[in-house]
Amino acid sequence: MLNRALKLLRTFHQLSQVELARRLEISNSYLSELETGAKTPSVEILEQYSVVFKLPASSILLFSEQLESTSLGNKLKIKAADKVLKLLEWVAEKEAIVND
């Protein structure tokens, strides 16, 4: 889920991949790999996101927490986080349509 959270941060702030890659001082292709989940961001990259978006890294990690426990409570937390991400993705898509 971390890749989805990172992409949502970018789209919520209406930044292109090119612009965010420039601000993070990484290549466009590496940013694309982060957002698709092909690569996992390092602590340093998360700190750069934190600076760019003025948001604690812990908040970024909130949606991507991978809980290993199989208890019902943890399953519900994962399901709720997924629903929130889907809602935010839907809002971002609607805003993109309106702004085009």
PDB file of N, CA and C in Angstrom:
ATOM      1  N   MET A   1       0.800  -1.202   0.000  1.00  0.00           N
ATOM      2  CA  MET A   1       0.000   0.000   0.000  1.00  0.00           C
ATOM      3  C   MET A   1       0.844   1.269   0.000  1.00  0.00           C
ATOM      4  N   LEU A   2       2.119   1.164   0.346  1.00  0.00           N
ATOM      5  CA  LEU A   2       2.967   2.352   0.388  1.00  0.00           C
ATOM      6  C   LEU A   2       3.040   3.014  -0.978  1.00  0.00           C
ATOM      7  N   ASN A   3       3.148   2.205  -2.027  1.00  0.00           N
ATOM      8  CA  ASN A   3       3.222   2.789  -3.369  1.00  0.00           C
ATOM      9  C   ASN A   3       1.975   3.607  -3.688  1.00  0.00           C
ATOM     10  N   ARG A   4       0.812   3.137  -3.287  1.00  0.00           N
ATOM     11  CA  ARG A   4      -0.432   3.871  -3.534  1.00  0.00           C
ATOM     12  C   ARG A   4      -0.473   5.162  -2.728  1.00  0.00           C
ATOM     13  N   ALA A   5      -0.008   5.101  -1.490  1.00  0.00           N
ATOM     14  CA  ALA A   5       0.015   6.302  -0.651  1.00  0.00           C
ATOM     15  C   ALA A   5       0.943   7.355  -1.248  1.00  0.00           C
ATOM     16  N   LEU A   6       2.092   6.935  -1.770  1.00  0.00           N
ATOM     17  CA  LEU A   6       3.034   7.882  -2.369  1.00  0.00           C
ATOM     18  C   LEU A   6       2.443   8.524  -3.623  1.00  0.00           C
ATOM     19  N   LYS A   7       1.776   7.717  -4.436  1.00  0.00           N
ATOM     20  CA  LYS A   7       1.149   8.266  -5.644  1.00  0.00           C
ATOM     21  C   LYS A   7       0.039   9.242  -5.274  1.00  0.00           C
ATOM     22  N   LEU A   8      -0.746   8.906  -4.265  1.00  0.00           N
ATOM     23  CA  LEU A   8      -1.828   9.795  -3.837  1.00  0.00           C
ATOM     24  C   LEU A   8      -1.299  11.117  -3.309  1.00  0.00           C
ATOM     25  N   LEU A   9      -0.197  11.074  -2.593  1.00  0.00           N
ATOM     26  CA  LEU A   9       0.411  12.324  -2.122  1.00  0.00           C
ATOM     27  C   LEU A   9       0.723  13.228  -3.307  1.00  0.00           C
ATOM     28  N   ARG A  10       1.314  12.642  -4.324  1.00  0.00           N
ATOM     29  CA  ARG A  10       1.680  13.424  -5.508  1.00  0.00           C
ATOM     30  C   ARG A  10       0.452  13.976  -6.213  1.00  0.00           C
ATOM     31  N   THR A  11      -0.531  13.115  -6.461  1.00  0.00           N
ATOM     32  CA  THR A  11      -1.711  13.565  -7.200  1.00  0.00           C
ATOM     33  C   THR A  11      -2.546  14.543  -6.386  1.00  0.00           C
ATOM     34  N   PHE A  12      -2.618  14.350  -5.085  1.00  0.00           N
ATOM     35  CA  PHE A  12      -3.367  15.278  -4.233  1.00  0.00           C
ATOM     36  C   PHE A  12      -2.776  16.677  -4.323  1.00  0.00           C
ATOM     37  N   HIS A  13      -1.460  16.756  -4.411  1.00  0.00           N
ATOM     38  CA  HIS A  13      -0.774  18.050  -4.494  1.00  0.00           C
ATOM     39  C   HIS A  13      -0.621  18.526  -5.941  1.00  0.00           C
ATOM     40  N   GLN A  14      -1.281  17.819  -6.859  1.00  0.00           N
ATOM     41  CA  GLN A  14      -1.320  18.177  -8.275  1.00  0.00           C
ATOM     42  C   GLN A  14       0.076  18.362  -8.878  1.00  0.00           C
ATOM     43  N   LEU A  15       0.944  17.409  -8.572  1.00  0.00           N
ATOM     44  CA  LEU A  15       2.294  17.416  -9.134  1.00  0.00           C
ATOM     45  C   LEU A  15       2.406  16.317 -10.183  1.00  0.00           C
ATOM     46  N   SER A  16       3.096  16.608 -11.246  1.00  0.00           N
ATOM     47  CA  SER A  16       3.388  15.569 -12.232  1.00  0.00           C
ATOM     48  C   SER A  16       4.535  14.713 -11.693  1.00  0.00           C
ATOM     49  N   GLN A  17       4.710  13.541 -12.298  1.00  0.00           N
ATOM     50  CA  GLN A  17       5.838  12.704 -11.898  1.00  0.00           C
ATOM     51  C   GLN A  17       7.152  13.419 -12.166  1.00  0.00           C
ATOM     52  N   VAL A  18       7.210  14.147 -13.260  1.00  0.00           N
ATOM     53  CA  VAL A  18       8.437  14.870 -13.617  1.00  0.00           C
ATOM     54  C   VAL A  18       8.776  15.900 -12.542  1.00  0.00           C
ATOM     55  N   GLU A  19       7.774  16.675 -12.117  1.00  0.00           N
ATOM     56  CA  GLU A  19       8.013  17.718 -11.113  1.00  0.00           C
ATOM     57  C   GLU A  19       8.403  17.111  -9.766  1.00  0.00           C
ATOM     58  N   LEU A  20       7.695  16.067  -9.339  1.00  0.00           N
ATOM     59  CA  LEU A  20       8.031  15.464  -8.049  1.00  0.00           C
ATOM     60  C   LEU A  20       9.410  14.816  -8.091  1.00  0.00           C
ATOM     61  N   ALA A  21       9.732  14.149  -9.182  1.00  0.00           N
ATOM     62  CA  ALA A  21      11.063  13.533  -9.308  1.00  0.00           C
ATOM     63  C   ALA A  21      12.147  14.600  -9.178  1.00  0.00           C
ATOM     64  N   ARG A  22      11.911  15.752  -9.788  1.00  0.00           N
ATOM     65  CA  ARG A  22      12.875  16.855  -9.691  1.00  0.00           C
ATOM     66  C   ARG A  22      13.020  17.309  -8.242  1.00  0.00           C
ATOM     67  N   ARG A  23      11.890  17.465  -7.539  1.00  0.00           N
ATOM     68  CA  ARG A  23      11.936  17.913  -6.143  1.00  0.00           C
ATOM     69  C   ARG A  23      12.592  16.882  -5.225  1.00  0.00           C
ATOM     70  N   LEU A  24      12.367  15.609  -5.534  1.00  0.00           N
ATOM     71  CA  LEU A  24      12.960  14.545  -4.719  1.00  0.00           C
ATOM     72  C   LEU A  24      14.406  14.257  -5.120  1.00  0.00           C
ATOM     73  N   GLU A  25      14.815  14.823  -6.252  1.00  0.00           N
ATOM     74  CA  GLU A  25      16.154  14.606  -6.803  1.00  0.00           C
ATOM     75  C   GLU A  25      16.398  13.138  -7.149  1.00  0.00           C
ATOM     76  N   ILE A  26      15.388  12.553  -7.812  1.00  0.00           N
ATOM     77  CA  ILE A  26      15.479  11.178  -8.302  1.00  0.00           C
ATOM     78  C   ILE A  26      15.034  11.173  -9.764  1.00  0.00           C
ATOM     79  N   SER A  27      15.274  10.076 -10.456  1.00  0.00           N
ATOM     80  CA  SER A  27      14.859   9.995 -11.860  1.00  0.00           C
ATOM     81  C   SER A  27      13.353   9.749 -11.960  1.00  0.00           C
ATOM     82  N   ASN A  28      12.798  10.133 -13.106  1.00  0.00           N
ATOM     83  CA  ASN A  28      11.371   9.890 -13.352  1.00  0.00           C
ATOM     84  C   ASN A  28      11.062   8.399 -13.323  1.00  0.00           C
ATOM     85  N   SER A  29      11.965   7.604 -13.890  1.00  0.00           N
ATOM     86  CA  SER A  29      11.720   6.159 -13.942  1.00  0.00           C
ATOM     87  C   SER A  29      11.728   5.546 -12.542  1.00  0.00           C
ATOM     88  N   TYR A  30      12.606   6.035 -11.665  1.00  0.00           N
ATOM     89  CA  TYR A  30      12.642   5.519 -10.295  1.00  0.00           C
ATOM     90  C   TYR A  30      11.356   5.893  -9.561  1.00  0.00           C
ATOM     91  N   LEU A  31      10.871   7.117  -9.761  1.00  0.00           N
ATOM     92  CA  LEU A  31       9.611   7.528  -9.135  1.00  0.00           C
ATOM     93  C   LEU A  31       8.471   6.651  -9.629  1.00  0.00           C
ATOM     94  N   SER A  32       8.455   6.371 -10.913  1.00  0.00           N
ATOM     95  CA  SER A  32       7.425   5.502 -11.476  1.00  0.00           C
ATOM     96  C   SER A  32       7.475   4.116 -10.832  1.00  0.00           C
ATOM     97  N   GLU A  33       8.678   3.591 -10.649  1.00  0.00           N
ATOM     98  CA  GLU A  33       8.827   2.275 -10.009  1.00  0.00           C
ATOM     99  C   GLU A  33       8.349   2.310  -8.556  1.00  0.00           C
ATOM    100  N   LEU A  34       8.576   3.418  -7.861  1.00  0.00           N
ATOM    101  CA  LEU A  34       8.085   3.547  -6.485  1.00  0.00           C
ATOM    102  C   LEU A  34       6.563   3.541  -6.457  1.00  0.00           C
ATOM    103  N   GLU A  35       5.953   4.279  -7.384  1.00  0.00           N
ATOM    104  CA  GLU A  35       4.496   4.408  -7.399  1.00  0.00           C
ATOM    105  C   GLU A  35       3.786   3.148  -7.874  1.00  0.00           C
ATOM    106  N   THR A  36       4.462   2.319  -8.651  1.00  0.00           N
ATOM    107  CA  THR A  36       3.840   1.068  -9.094  1.00  0.00           C
ATOM    108  C   THR A  36       4.128  -0.086  -8.139  1.00  0.00           C
ATOM    109  N   GLY A  37       5.033   0.139  -7.202  1.00  0.00           N
ATOM    110  CA  GLY A  37       5.379  -0.907  -6.253  1.00  0.00           C
ATOM    111  C   GLY A  37       6.512  -1.794  -6.722  1.00  0.00           C
ATOM    112  N   ALA A  38       7.098  -1.484  -7.876  1.00  0.00           N
ATOM    113  CA  ALA A  38       8.220  -2.277  -8.381  1.00  0.00           C
ATOM    114  C   ALA A  38       9.458  -2.109  -7.504  1.00  0.00           C
ATOM    115  N   LYS A  39       9.598  -0.951  -6.885  1.00  0.00           N
ATOM    116  CA  LYS A  39      10.706  -0.669  -5.959  1.00  0.00           C
ATOM    117  C   LYS A  39      10.127  -0.219  -4.628  1.00  0.00           C
ATOM    118  N   THR A  40      10.859  -0.500  -3.565  1.00  0.00           N
ATOM    119  CA  THR A  40      10.476  -0.056  -2.225  1.00  0.00           C
ATOM    120  C   THR A  40      11.320   1.157  -1.865  1.00  0.00           C
ATOM    121  N   PRO A  41      10.680   2.228  -1.385  1.00  0.00           N
ATOM    122  CA  PRO A  41      11.460   3.428  -1.062  1.00  0.00           C
ATOM    123  C   PRO A  41      12.358   3.216   0.152  1.00  0.00           C
ATOM    124  N   SER A  42      13.520   3.820   0.088  1.00  0.00           N
ATOM    125  CA  SER A  42      14.440   3.780   1.228  1.00  0.00           C
ATOM    126  C   SER A  42      13.970   4.782   2.278  1.00  0.00           C
ATOM    127  N   VAL A  43      14.565   4.709   3.447  1.00  0.00           N
ATOM    128  CA  VAL A  43      14.264   5.666   4.511  1.00  0.00           C
ATOM    129  C   VAL A  43      14.593   7.076   4.030  1.00  0.00           C
ATOM    130  N   GLU A  44      15.683   7.210   3.284  1.00  0.00           N
ATOM    131  CA  GLU A  44      16.088   8.522   2.773  1.00  0.00           C
ATOM    132  C   GLU A  44      15.038   9.097   1.829  1.00  0.00           C
ATOM    133  N   ILE A  45      14.485   8.258   0.973  1.00  0.00           N
ATOM    134  CA  ILE A  45      13.443   8.726   0.045  1.00  0.00           C
ATOM    135  C   ILE A  45      12.209   9.154   0.828  1.00  0.00           C
ATOM    136  N   LEU A  46      11.827   8.366   1.833  1.00  0.00           N
ATOM    137  CA  LEU A  46      10.671   8.746   2.649  1.00  0.00           C
ATOM    138  C   LEU A  46      10.919  10.067   3.365  1.00  0.00           C
ATOM    139  N   GLU A  47      12.147  10.293   3.802  1.00  0.00           N
ATOM    140  CA  GLU A  47      12.482  11.570   4.436  1.00  0.00           C
ATOM    141  C   GLU A  47      12.366  12.713   3.430  1.00  0.00           C
ATOM    142  N   GLN A  48      12.748  12.462   2.175  1.00  0.00           N
ATOM    143  CA  GLN A  48      12.617  13.491   1.140  1.00  0.00           C
ATOM    144  C   GLN A  48      11.139  13.799   0.879  1.00  0.00           C
ATOM    145  N   TYR A  49      10.302  12.771   0.827  1.00  0.00           N
ATOM    146  CA  TYR A  49       8.857  12.983   0.696  1.00  0.00           C
ATOM    147  C   TYR A  49       8.360  13.837   1.857  1.00  0.00           C
ATOM    148  N   SER A  50       8.852  13.531   3.035  1.00  0.00           N
ATOM    149  CA  SER A  50       8.464  14.244   4.243  1.00  0.00           C
ATOM    150  C   SER A  50       8.764  15.736   4.119  1.00  0.00           C
ATOM    151  N   VAL A  51       9.921  16.051   3.580  1.00  0.00           N
ATOM    152  CA  VAL A  51      10.325  17.452   3.404  1.00  0.00           C
ATOM    153  C   VAL A  51       9.476  18.120   2.318  1.00  0.00           C
ATOM    154  N   VAL A  52       9.336  17.453   1.178  1.00  0.00           N
ATOM    155  CA  VAL A  52       8.602  18.031   0.049  1.00  0.00           C
ATOM    156  C   VAL A  52       7.151  18.318   0.422  1.00  0.00           C
ATOM    157  N   PHE A  53       6.509  17.377   1.121  1.00  0.00           N
ATOM    158  CA  PHE A  53       5.091  17.521   1.425  1.00  0.00           C
ATOM    159  C   PHE A  53       4.810  18.057   2.829  1.00  0.00           C
ATOM    160  N   LYS A  54       5.888  18.380   3.562  1.00  0.00           N
ATOM    161  CA  LYS A  54       5.747  18.917   4.926  1.00  0.00           C
ATOM    162  C   LYS A  54       4.810  18.031   5.758  1.00  0.00           C
ATOM    163  N   LEU A  55       5.162  16.754   5.761  1.00  0.00           N
ATOM    164  CA  LEU A  55       4.357  15.731   6.406  1.00  0.00           C
ATOM    165  C   LEU A  55       5.293  14.737   7.075  1.00  0.00           C
ATOM    166  N   PRO A  56       5.052  14.377   8.333  1.00  0.00           N
ATOM    167  CA  PRO A  56       5.942  13.407   8.983  1.00  0.00           C
ATOM    168  C   PRO A  56       5.967  12.073   8.230  1.00  0.00           C
ATOM    169  N   ALA A  57       7.127  11.476   8.167  1.00  0.00           N
ATOM    170  CA  ALA A  57       7.259  10.172   7.503  1.00  0.00           C
ATOM    171  C   ALA A  57       6.338   9.144   8.150  1.00  0.00           C
ATOM    172  N   SER A  58       6.116   9.283   9.448  1.00  0.00           N
ATOM    173  CA  SER A  58       5.226   8.339  10.140  1.00  0.00           C
ATOM    174  C   SER A  58       3.806   8.416   9.586  1.00  0.00           C
ATOM    175  N   SER A  59       3.375   9.589   9.163  1.00  0.00           N
ATOM    176  CA  SER A  59       2.044   9.727   8.568  1.00  0.00           C
ATOM    177  C   SER A  59       1.984   9.051   7.206  1.00  0.00           C
ATOM    178  N   ILE A  60       3.074   9.141   6.469  1.00  0.00           N
ATOM    179  CA  ILE A  60       3.133   8.480   5.164  1.00  0.00           C
ATOM    180  C   ILE A  60       3.053   6.966   5.347  1.00  0.00           C
ATOM    181  N   LEU A  61       3.726   6.476   6.358  1.00  0.00           N
ATOM    182  CA  LEU A  61       3.757   5.034   6.602  1.00  0.00           C
ATOM    183  C   LEU A  61       2.448   4.494   7.168  1.00  0.00           C
ATOM    184  N   LEU A  62       1.611   5.366   7.704  1.00  0.00           N
ATOM    185  CA  LEU A  62       0.355   4.938   8.319  1.00  0.00           C
ATOM    186  C   LEU A  62      -0.453   4.040   7.388  1.00  0.00           C
ATOM    187  N   PHE A  63      -0.610   4.450   6.130  1.00  0.00           N
ATOM    188  CA  PHE A  63      -1.426   3.679   5.189  1.00  0.00           C
ATOM    189  C   PHE A  63      -0.733   2.433   4.672  1.00  0.00           C
ATOM    190  N   SER A  64       0.558   2.372   4.849  1.00  0.00           N
ATOM    191  CA  SER A  64       1.283   1.262   4.248  1.00  0.00           C
ATOM    192  C   SER A  64       1.732   0.210   5.250  1.00  0.00           C
ATOM    193  N   GLU A  65       1.303   0.373   6.471  1.00  0.00           N
ATOM    194  CA  GLU A  65       1.725  -0.547   7.520  1.00  0.00           C
ATOM    195  C   GLU A  65       1.355  -1.981   7.137  1.00  0.00           C
ATOM    196  N   GLN A  66       2.340  -2.835   7.125  1.00  0.00           N
ATOM    197  CA  GLN A  66       2.067  -4.233   6.794  1.00  0.00           C
ATOM    198  C   GLN A  66       2.005  -5.032   8.089  1.00  0.00           C
ATOM    199  N   LEU A  67       0.786  -5.344   8.478  1.00  0.00           N
ATOM    200  CA  LEU A  67       0.578  -6.064   9.726  1.00  0.00           C
ATOM    201  C   LEU A  67       0.648  -7.565   9.469  1.00  0.00           C
ATOM    202  N   GLU A  68       1.500  -8.233  10.201  1.00  0.00           N
ATOM    203  CA  GLU A  68       1.681  -9.666   9.976  1.00  0.00           C
ATOM    204  C   GLU A  68       0.671 -10.511  10.744  1.00  0.00           C
ATOM    205  N   SER A  69       0.069  -9.947  11.737  1.00  0.00           N
ATOM    206  CA  SER A  69      -0.889 -10.692  12.542  1.00  0.00           C
ATOM    207  C   SER A  69      -2.144 -10.982  11.721  1.00  0.00           C
ATOM    208  N   THR A  70      -2.768 -12.093  11.985  1.00  0.00           N
ATOM    209  CA  THR A  70      -3.982 -12.458  11.262  1.00  0.00           C
ATOM    210  C   THR A  70      -5.231 -12.247  12.109  1.00  0.00           C
ATOM    211  N   SER A  71      -5.121 -11.508  13.191  1.00  0.00           N
ATOM    212  CA  SER A  71      -6.293 -11.291  14.037  1.00  0.00           C
ATOM    213  C   SER A  71      -7.335 -10.470  13.291  1.00  0.00           C
ATOM    214  N   LEU A  72      -8.581 -10.593  13.710  1.00  0.00           N
ATOM    215  CA  LEU A  72      -9.683  -9.889  13.072  1.00  0.00           C
ATOM    216  C   LEU A  72      -9.475  -8.382  13.126  1.00  0.00           C
ATOM    217  N   GLY A  73      -8.997  -7.866  14.253  1.00  0.00           N
ATOM    218  CA  GLY A  73      -8.767  -6.424  14.390  1.00  0.00           C
ATOM    219  C   GLY A  73      -7.785  -5.908  13.364  1.00  0.00           C
ATOM    220  N   ASN A  74      -6.718  -6.636  13.145  1.00  0.00           N
ATOM    221  CA  ASN A  74      -5.717  -6.213  12.161  1.00  0.00           C
ATOM    222  C   ASN A  74      -6.254  -6.313  10.738  1.00  0.00           C
ATOM    223  N   LYS A  75      -7.040  -7.339  10.466  1.00  0.00           N
ATOM    224  CA  LYS A  75      -7.641  -7.458   9.142  1.00  0.00           C
ATOM    225  C   LYS A  75      -8.565  -6.274   8.872  1.00  0.00           C
ATOM    226  N   LEU A  76      -9.305  -5.856   9.894  1.00  0.00           N
ATOM    227  CA  LEU A  76     -10.198  -4.711   9.734  1.00  0.00           C
ATOM    228  C   LEU A  76      -9.416  -3.427   9.495  1.00  0.00           C
ATOM    229  N   LYS A  77      -8.284  -3.269  10.181  1.00  0.00           N
ATOM    230  CA  LYS A  77      -7.448  -2.080   9.974  1.00  0.00           C
ATOM    231  C   LYS A  77      -6.940  -2.029   8.541  1.00  0.00           C
ATOM    232  N   ILE A  78      -6.492  -3.163   8.036  1.00  0.00           N
ATOM    233  CA  ILE A  78      -5.988  -3.221   6.663  1.00  0.00           C
ATOM    234  C   ILE A  78      -7.111  -2.910   5.679  1.00  0.00           C
ATOM    235  N   LYS A  79      -8.269  -3.492   5.908  1.00  0.00           N
ATOM    236  CA  LYS A  79      -9.424  -3.260   5.033  1.00  0.00           C
ATOM    237  C   LYS A  79      -9.827  -1.789   5.057  1.00  0.00           C
ATOM    238  N   ALA A  80      -9.838  -1.181   6.252  1.00  0.00           N
ATOM    239  CA  ALA A  80     -10.199   0.230   6.370  1.00  0.00           C
ATOM    240  C   ALA A  80      -9.186   1.115   5.653  1.00  0.00           C
ATOM    241  N   ALA A  81      -7.903   0.827   5.815  1.00  0.00           N
ATOM    242  CA  ALA A  81      -6.865   1.613   5.136  1.00  0.00           C
ATOM    243  C   ALA A  81      -7.024   1.498   3.625  1.00  0.00           C
ATOM    244  N   ASP A  82      -7.336   0.302   3.136  1.00  0.00           N
ATOM    245  CA  ASP A  82      -7.536   0.103   1.709  1.00  0.00           C
ATOM    246  C   ASP A  82      -8.732   0.908   1.212  1.00  0.00           C
ATOM    247  N   LYS A  83      -9.813   0.924   1.980  1.00  0.00           N
ATOM    248  CA  LYS A  83     -11.009   1.694   1.596  1.00  0.00           C
ATOM    249  C   LYS A  83     -10.700   3.183   1.541  1.00  0.00           C
ATOM    250  N   VAL A  84      -9.944   3.683   2.520  1.00  0.00           N
ATOM    251  CA  VAL A  84      -9.575   5.096   2.534  1.00  0.00           C
ATOM    252  C   VAL A  84      -8.734   5.425   1.303  1.00  0.00           C
ATOM    253  N   LEU A  85      -7.779   4.566   0.979  1.00  0.00           N
ATOM    254  CA  LEU A  85      -6.950   4.792  -0.206  1.00  0.00           C
ATOM    255  C   LEU A  85      -7.791   4.793  -1.482  1.00  0.00           C
ATOM    256  N   LYS A  86      -8.731   3.864  -1.589  1.00  0.00           N
ATOM    257  CA  LYS A  86      -9.598   3.829  -2.768  1.00  0.00           C
ATOM    258  C   LYS A  86     -10.435   5.096  -2.873  1.00  0.00           C
ATOM    259  N   LEU A  87     -10.938   5.585  -1.751  1.00  0.00           N
ATOM    260  CA  LEU A  87     -11.716   6.818  -1.746  1.00  0.00           C
ATOM    261  C   LEU A  87     -10.859   7.998  -2.198  1.00  0.00           C
ATOM    262  N   LEU A  88      -9.646   8.093  -1.683  1.00  0.00           N
ATOM    263  CA  LEU A  88      -8.752   9.183  -2.072  1.00  0.00           C
ATOM    264  C   LEU A  88      -8.373   9.093  -3.551  1.00  0.00           C
ATOM    265  N   GLU A  89      -8.179   7.869  -4.053  1.00  0.00           N
ATOM    266  CA  GLU A  89      -7.886   7.694  -5.476  1.00  0.00           C
ATOM    267  C   GLU A  89      -9.068   8.162  -6.322  1.00  0.00           C
ATOM    268  N   TRP A  90     -10.279   7.838  -5.894  1.00  0.00           N
ATOM    269  CA  TRP A  90     -11.486   8.245  -6.606  1.00  0.00           C
ATOM    270  C   TRP A  90     -11.594   9.765  -6.638  1.00  0.00           C
ATOM    271  N   VAL A  91     -11.351  10.416  -5.503  1.00  0.00           N
ATOM    272  CA  VAL A  91     -11.398  11.880  -5.432  1.00  0.00           C
ATOM    273  C   VAL A  91     -10.351  12.486  -6.364  1.00  0.00           C
ATOM    274  N   ALA A  92      -9.149  11.936  -6.362  1.00  0.00           N
ATOM    275  CA  ALA A  92      -8.082  12.445  -7.233  1.00  0.00           C
ATOM    276  C   ALA A  92      -8.470  12.308  -8.703  1.00  0.00           C
ATOM    277  N   GLU A  93      -9.084  11.192  -9.074  1.00  0.00           N
ATOM    278  CA  GLU A  93      -9.522  10.988 -10.457  1.00  0.00           C
ATOM    279  C   GLU A  93     -10.594  11.996 -10.843  1.00  0.00           C
ATOM    280  N   LYS A  94     -11.550  12.237  -9.948  1.00  0.00           N
ATOM    281  CA  LYS A  94     -12.629  13.193 -10.225  1.00  0.00           C
ATOM    282  C   LYS A  94     -12.072  14.600 -10.383  1.00  0.00           C
ATOM    283  N   GLU A  95     -11.119  14.972  -9.536  1.00  0.00           N
ATOM    284  CA  GLU A  95     -10.513  16.298  -9.637  1.00  0.00           C
ATOM    285  C   GLU A  95      -9.737  16.440 -10.939  1.00  0.00           C
ATOM    286  N   ALA A  96      -9.087  15.371 -11.372  1.00  0.00           N
ATOM    287  CA  ALA A  96      -8.338  15.411 -12.633  1.00  0.00           C
ATOM    288  C   ALA A  96      -9.286  15.629 -13.803  1.00  0.00           C
ATOM    289  N   ILE A  97     -10.454  15.004 -13.766  1.00  0.00           N
ATOM    290  CA  ILE A  97     -11.446  15.171 -14.830  1.00  0.00           C
ATOM    291  C   ILE A  97     -11.963  16.603 -14.847  1.00  0.00           C
ATOM    292  N   VAL A  98     -12.258  17.149 -13.682  1.00  0.00           N
ATOM    293  CA  VAL A  98     -12.777  18.513 -13.575  1.00  0.00           C
ATOM    294  C   VAL A  98     -11.742  19.531 -14.035  1.00  0.00           C
ATOM    295  N   ASN A  99     -10.470  19.291 -13.719  1.00  0.00           N
ATOM    296  CA  ASN A  99      -9.407  20.240 -14.054  1.00  0.00           C
ATOM    297  C   ASN A  99      -8.945  20.150 -15.505  1.00  0.00           C
ATOM    298  N   ASP A 100      -9.382  19.131 -16.233  1.00  0.00           N
ATOM    299  CA  ASP A 100      -8.963  18.991 -17.645  1.00  0.00           C
ATOM    300  C   ASP A 100      -9.774  19.844 -18.546  1.00  0.00           C
TER     301      ASP A 100
END
